[in-house]
Every structure is written in C-alpha cells, then in structure tokens.
Protein backbone atom coordinates (compact mmCIF):
# COMPACT_ATOMS: atom_id res chain seq x y z
CA MET A 1 0.00 0.00 0.00
CA GLY A 2 2.92 2.32 0.74
CA LEU A 3 4.22 1.81 -2.79
CA LEU A 4 0.87 2.96 -4.19
CA TYR A 5 0.95 6.19 -2.17
CA ALA A 6 4.55 6.84 -3.14
CA SER A 7 3.79 6.36 -6.83
CA ILE A 8 0.75 8.65 -6.61
CA ALA A 9 2.81 11.32 -4.84
CA LEU A 10 5.61 11.08 -7.41
CA GLY A 11 3.05 11.23 -10.22
CA MET A 12 1.54 14.40 -8.76
CA ILE A 13 4.99 15.96 -8.38
CA ALA A 14 5.79 15.07 -12.00
CA ALA A 15 2.45 16.50 -13.17
CA CYS A 16 3.14 19.73 -11.28
CA GLY A 17 6.59 19.90 -12.86
CA VAL A 18 5.16 19.45 -16.35
CA PHE A 19 2.51 22.09 -15.65
CA ILE A 20 5.11 24.59 -14.43
CA ALA A 21 7.37 23.85 -17.40
CA MET A 22 4.55 24.36 -19.89
CA TRP A 23 3.44 27.52 -18.11
CA SER A 24 6.95 28.94 -18.34
CA PHE A 25 6.81 28.68 -22.15
CA ASN A 26 3.83 31.05 -22.21
CA PRO A 27 5.12 34.48 -23.27
CA ALA A 28 4.75 37.37 -20.89
CA PRO A 29 2.02 39.83 -21.80
CA PRO A 30 3.33 43.02 -23.40
CA SER A 31 3.76 46.01 -21.16
CA ASN A 32 1.92 49.25 -21.78
CA ALA A 33 5.09 50.78 -23.20
CA ASP A 34 5.36 47.96 -25.76
CA VAL A 35 1.74 48.41 -26.81
CA VAL A 36 2.15 52.17 -27.22
CA GLU A 37 5.41 51.72 -29.13
CA GLY A 38 3.72 49.28 -31.50
CA ARG A 39 0.88 51.69 -32.14
CA LEU A 40 3.27 54.56 -32.80
CA ARG A 41 5.26 52.40 -35.21
CA VAL A 42 2.08 51.71 -37.18
CA TYR A 43 1.46 55.43 -37.54
CA GLU A 44 5.06 56.13 -38.58
CA THR A 45 5.59 53.41 -41.15
CA GLY A 46 2.12 52.25 -41.99
CA LEU A 47 2.55 48.62 -40.95
CA PRO A 48 4.61 46.93 -38.26
CA VAL A 49 7.62 45.18 -39.75
CA SER A 50 8.79 41.96 -38.19
CA LEU A 51 12.29 40.55 -38.49
CA THR A 52 11.04 37.90 -40.90
CA GLU A 53 9.50 40.53 -43.17
CA MET A 54 12.72 42.53 -43.11
CA GLU A 55 14.73 39.46 -44.13
CA LEU A 56 12.29 38.63 -46.90
CA GLN A 57 12.62 42.15 -48.33
CA ALA A 58 16.21 41.37 -49.30
CA PRO A 59 16.59 40.23 -52.91
CA PHE A 60 16.50 36.50 -53.65
CA GLY A 61 20.10 36.56 -54.83
CA GLU A 62 21.35 37.92 -51.52
CA ARG A 63 19.20 35.60 -49.40
CA VAL A 64 19.68 32.33 -51.25
CA LEU A 65 22.06 32.40 -54.19
CA ARG A 66 25.00 34.30 -52.67
CA PRO A 67 25.24 32.11 -49.52
CA ALA A 68 24.97 28.95 -51.63
CA ILE A 69 27.69 30.15 -54.00
CA GLN A 70 29.90 31.14 -51.07
CA ARG A 71 29.56 27.70 -49.47
CA LEU A 72 30.29 25.98 -52.77
CA GLY A 73 33.21 28.34 -53.35
CA ARG A 74 34.76 27.57 -49.98
CA PHE A 75 34.50 23.86 -50.69
CA LEU A 76 35.98 24.14 -54.19
CA GLU A 77 38.67 26.53 -53.00
CA GLN A 78 39.88 23.98 -50.45
CA THR A 79 40.21 21.29 -53.11
CA MET A 80 42.01 23.55 -55.59
CA PRO A 81 45.83 23.68 -55.75
CA GLU A 82 47.38 26.66 -53.98
CA PRO A 83 49.13 28.22 -57.04
CA ALA A 84 45.91 28.22 -59.08
CA ARG A 85 43.97 29.69 -56.17
CA ARG A 86 46.60 32.40 -55.68
CA ARG A 87 46.55 33.22 -59.40
CA ILE A 88 42.76 33.63 -59.39
CA PHE A 89 43.01 35.83 -56.30
CA LEU A 90 45.61 38.07 -57.98
CA ASP A 91 43.60 38.31 -61.21
CA LEU A 92 40.48 39.28 -59.29
CA HIS A 93 42.44 41.80 -57.26
CA LEU A 94 43.83 43.38 -60.44
CA ALA A 95 40.31 43.50 -61.90
CA GLY A 96 39.08 45.39 -58.84
CA ARG A 97 37.12 42.47 -57.37
CA PRO A 98 34.08 42.79 -59.65
CA GLY A 99 30.84 42.24 -57.79
CA GLY A 100 32.78 41.87 -54.55
CA LEU A 101 33.73 38.33 -55.55
CA SER A 102 36.36 36.50 -53.58
CA ALA A 103 38.46 33.79 -55.17
CA GLY A 104 36.16 31.11 -53.79
CA ASP A 105 33.07 32.90 -55.09
CA PHE A 106 34.61 33.23 -58.54
CA ILE A 107 35.54 29.54 -58.59
CA ALA A 108 31.97 28.60 -57.63
CA VAL A 109 30.43 30.87 -60.25
CA ARG A 110 32.76 29.49 -62.89
CA TYR A 111 31.93 25.94 -61.81
CA VAL A 112 28.16 26.55 -61.89
CA ALA A 113 28.27 28.45 -65.19
CA THR A 114 30.15 25.72 -67.06
C-alpha cells in the first residue's frame, strides 16, 4: 500500500513539474510601453515590420544564391591547388574584385556556369 501512495505522490509531483514547465513557455504579456510603441510604429511606417519581413525584403540573390555560392566556393577553394587559387586571387584583385567576388566565389560561379 505504501508503494501505491509513493507512486501517486511522485506522479503528482511530476504533473506539477510538467505544468510549471509548460506555463513557463507562455510568453509574458506586453507592457503598456510595448503596446504604445507598437501603435506609434504603425502610424510612422504604416505597418509593423517583423524581423522575418525585413529578411524577406532582401533580394533572392542575396538571401539564397549568394550564400549557396559562397559555401560551394569555400568547398571548391579547399580542393584547388594553392598556385591556381593564388593566381585567381591576384587576377580578381587586379580586376578590382568585380561584384565583390572573392576567389572562392569566382571559382563557384565558374563551376556553376560551365
């Protein structure tokens, strides 16, 4: 009988712990200052802008293509011989780094384009 009471007590403690944990995930209500600031922002800009909306306003090339090309460029640059990599770097430097391309970016663009 003692085992039954102990298991019930432990079950209640566990249930309370789960309840408290779930309650802690509930966001705090906004303060009056936050509400007023949000309303003022609507009047200033027209619509509130979230971080996600700001990120999505960037062009597709900057959000998706450039990071993909940079990752591919870093990978290809590591597998390329050092003299060839140095030569590409010097050529890009002499050309004024068109488009802000690094040697790895140029290698990736050349690889994708051909």
